[in-house]
Amino acid sequence: MNPYFEQTVMNADPVELVQLLHQKAIVYVKDAREHLRHGRIAERARVIGDAYAVIAELQNSLRPEVAPDLTTRLQGLYLYMQRLLLDANFAQADAPLAEVVSLLSTLLDGWTGVLMQSAGRHEATHEWATREMGQRELIMA
């Protein structure tokens, strides 16, 4: 594994990990499309398998006890994408791969928004805490 990527994974929070998994799956599917275009069957099959495994990991990370409705919808979407990957591999077709890239990209955009929103809340909380500490120091002085 790439040492930089490994360090990024080790320091990531759960939302960042989900985001990284979506990014990795997109890279694999784009690679599969490239291998398909150039007739590299073994390489295409390998990276489709890698994308399938990443999506399986995303499925395993779902927590129905936290958000049952969302988990059900994501589970169905992940299963659908895995079916598309299998169809693309067996039929040697690009359209299912293109659809998977599109779906993963949409999900990635959503997770990026969650991450940005979370960072914004963290920044606002930090700003509030800093201001509160400053006011307390003034009161105590």
Protein backbone atom coordinates (compact mmCIF):
# COMPACT_ATOMS: atom_id res chain seq x y z
CA MET A 1 0.00 0.00 0.00
CA ASN A 2 1.12 3.55 -0.69
CA PRO A 3 2.63 4.94 2.57
CA TYR A 4 0.90 8.32 2.12
CA PHE A 5 -2.48 6.64 1.56
CA GLU A 6 -1.86 4.34 4.54
CA GLN A 7 -1.12 7.35 6.78
CA THR A 8 -4.23 9.13 5.49
CA VAL A 9 -6.37 6.09 6.33
CA MET A 10 -4.84 5.75 9.80
CA ASN A 11 -5.63 9.40 10.63
CA ALA A 12 -9.09 9.57 9.03
CA ASP A 13 -12.35 9.84 10.91
CA PRO A 14 -15.24 7.52 9.90
CA VAL A 15 -16.74 9.95 7.36
CA GLU A 16 -13.34 10.47 5.76
CA LEU A 17 -12.88 6.69 5.54
CA VAL A 18 -16.19 6.30 3.73
CA GLN A 19 -15.17 9.13 1.41
CA LEU A 20 -11.80 7.44 0.73
CA LEU A 21 -13.53 4.14 -0.05
CA HIS A 22 -15.81 5.84 -2.58
CA GLN A 23 -12.79 7.52 -4.18
CA LYS A 24 -10.93 4.21 -4.37
CA ALA A 25 -13.92 2.44 -5.94
CA ILE A 26 -14.23 5.21 -8.55
CA VAL A 27 -10.55 4.84 -9.46
CA TYR A 28 -10.96 1.07 -9.85
CA VAL A 29 -14.02 1.39 -12.07
CA LYS A 30 -12.36 4.06 -14.23
CA ASP A 31 -9.36 1.75 -14.55
CA ALA A 32 -11.72 -1.08 -15.57
CA ARG A 33 -13.18 1.13 -18.29
CA GLU A 34 -9.69 1.89 -19.56
CA HIS A 35 -8.73 -1.81 -19.57
CA LEU A 36 -11.98 -2.63 -21.38
CA ARG A 37 -11.22 -0.04 -24.07
CA HIS A 38 -7.80 -1.58 -24.66
CA GLY A 39 -8.90 -5.21 -24.52
CA ARG A 40 -6.94 -6.06 -21.36
CA ILE A 41 -9.28 -8.75 -20.06
CA ALA A 42 -7.31 -9.96 -17.01
CA GLU A 43 -6.61 -6.44 -15.78
CA ARG A 44 -10.24 -5.42 -16.30
CA ALA A 45 -11.49 -8.42 -14.34
CA ARG A 46 -9.00 -7.75 -11.53
CA VAL A 47 -9.95 -4.10 -11.00
CA ILE A 48 -13.66 -4.89 -11.28
CA GLY A 49 -13.08 -7.41 -8.49
CA ASP A 50 -11.27 -4.72 -6.50
CA ALA A 51 -14.17 -2.27 -7.00
CA TYR A 52 -16.63 -5.01 -5.99
CA ALA A 53 -14.63 -5.61 -2.78
CA VAL A 54 -14.56 -1.90 -1.91
CA ILE A 55 -18.33 -1.67 -2.36
CA ALA A 56 -18.69 -4.76 -0.15
CA GLU A 57 -16.64 -2.93 2.48
CA LEU A 58 -18.94 0.07 2.17
CA GLN A 59 -21.89 -2.30 2.74
CA ASN A 60 -20.20 -3.75 5.81
CA SER A 61 -19.70 -0.26 7.24
CA LEU A 62 -23.44 0.50 7.23
CA ARG A 63 -24.97 0.88 10.69
CA PRO A 64 -28.72 0.17 10.59
CA GLU A 65 -29.06 0.99 14.28
CA VAL A 66 -28.05 4.59 13.54
CA ALA A 67 -30.11 5.26 10.40
CA PRO A 68 -32.27 2.29 9.36
CA ASP A 69 -33.98 3.95 6.36
CA LEU A 70 -30.74 5.33 4.95
CA THR A 71 -28.99 2.01 5.52
CA THR A 72 -31.71 0.16 3.60
CA ARG A 73 -31.47 2.54 0.64
CA LEU A 74 -27.66 2.46 0.57
CA GLN A 75 -27.64 -1.34 0.89
CA GLY A 76 -29.90 -1.60 -2.17
CA LEU A 77 -27.77 0.86 -4.11
CA TYR A 78 -24.53 -0.94 -3.25
CA LEU A 79 -26.05 -4.29 -4.28
CA TYR A 80 -27.23 -2.74 -7.54
CA MET A 81 -23.73 -1.40 -8.25
CA GLN A 82 -22.20 -4.80 -7.55
CA ARG A 83 -24.66 -6.38 -9.98
CA LEU A 84 -23.68 -3.79 -12.60
CA LEU A 85 -20.01 -4.60 -12.07
CA LEU A 86 -20.67 -8.30 -12.61
CA ASP A 87 -22.78 -7.58 -15.70
CA ALA A 88 -20.05 -5.33 -17.11
CA ASN A 89 -17.41 -7.97 -16.54
CA PHE A 90 -19.36 -10.83 -18.09
CA ALA A 91 -20.74 -8.82 -21.03
CA GLN A 92 -17.54 -6.82 -21.52
CA ALA A 93 -19.72 -3.70 -21.60
CA ASP A 94 -18.85 -0.12 -20.73
CA ALA A 95 -22.35 1.22 -19.98
CA PRO A 96 -22.72 -0.54 -16.61
CA LEU A 97 -19.26 0.69 -15.58
CA ALA A 98 -20.19 4.25 -16.56
CA GLU A 99 -23.35 3.99 -14.46
CA VAL A 100 -21.36 2.75 -11.43
CA VAL A 101 -18.92 5.68 -11.76
CA SER A 102 -21.86 8.07 -11.91
CA LEU A 103 -23.55 6.56 -8.85
CA LEU A 104 -20.33 6.45 -6.84
CA SER A 105 -19.53 10.05 -7.81
CA THR A 106 -22.96 11.19 -6.62
CA LEU A 107 -22.47 9.39 -3.31
CA LEU A 108 -18.96 10.83 -3.00
CA ASP A 109 -20.37 14.34 -3.49
CA GLY A 110 -22.83 13.66 -0.70
CA TRP A 111 -20.16 12.39 1.69
CA THR A 112 -17.94 15.34 0.81
CA GLY A 113 -20.83 17.63 1.74
CA VAL A 114 -21.25 15.79 5.06
CA LEU A 115 -17.54 16.16 5.74
CA MET A 116 -17.58 19.88 4.90
CA GLN A 117 -20.67 20.42 7.04
CA SER A 118 -19.03 18.55 9.90
CA ALA A 119 -15.84 20.59 9.52
CA GLY A 120 -17.92 23.78 9.55
CA ARG A 121 -19.62 22.72 12.80
CA HIS A 122 -16.24 21.83 14.29
CA GLU A 123 -14.83 25.22 13.29
CA ALA A 124 -17.86 27.07 14.71
CA THR A 125 -17.61 25.09 17.97
CA HIS A 126 -13.88 25.83 18.20
CA GLU A 127 -14.52 29.54 17.55
CA TRP A 128 -17.27 29.63 20.20
CA ALA A 129 -15.08 27.81 22.75
CA THR A 130 -12.17 30.15 22.09
CA ARG A 131 -14.41 33.19 22.53
CA GLU A 132 -15.94 31.74 25.73
CA MET A 133 -12.50 31.02 27.17
CA GLY A 134 -11.43 34.60 26.41
CA GLN A 135 -14.51 36.01 28.14
CA ARG A 136 -13.95 33.78 31.18
CA GLU A 137 -10.36 34.93 31.41
CA LEU A 138 -11.54 38.56 31.34
CA ILE A 139 -14.10 37.87 34.08
CA MET A 140 -11.57 36.08 36.27
CA ALA A 141 -8.92 38.81 35.86
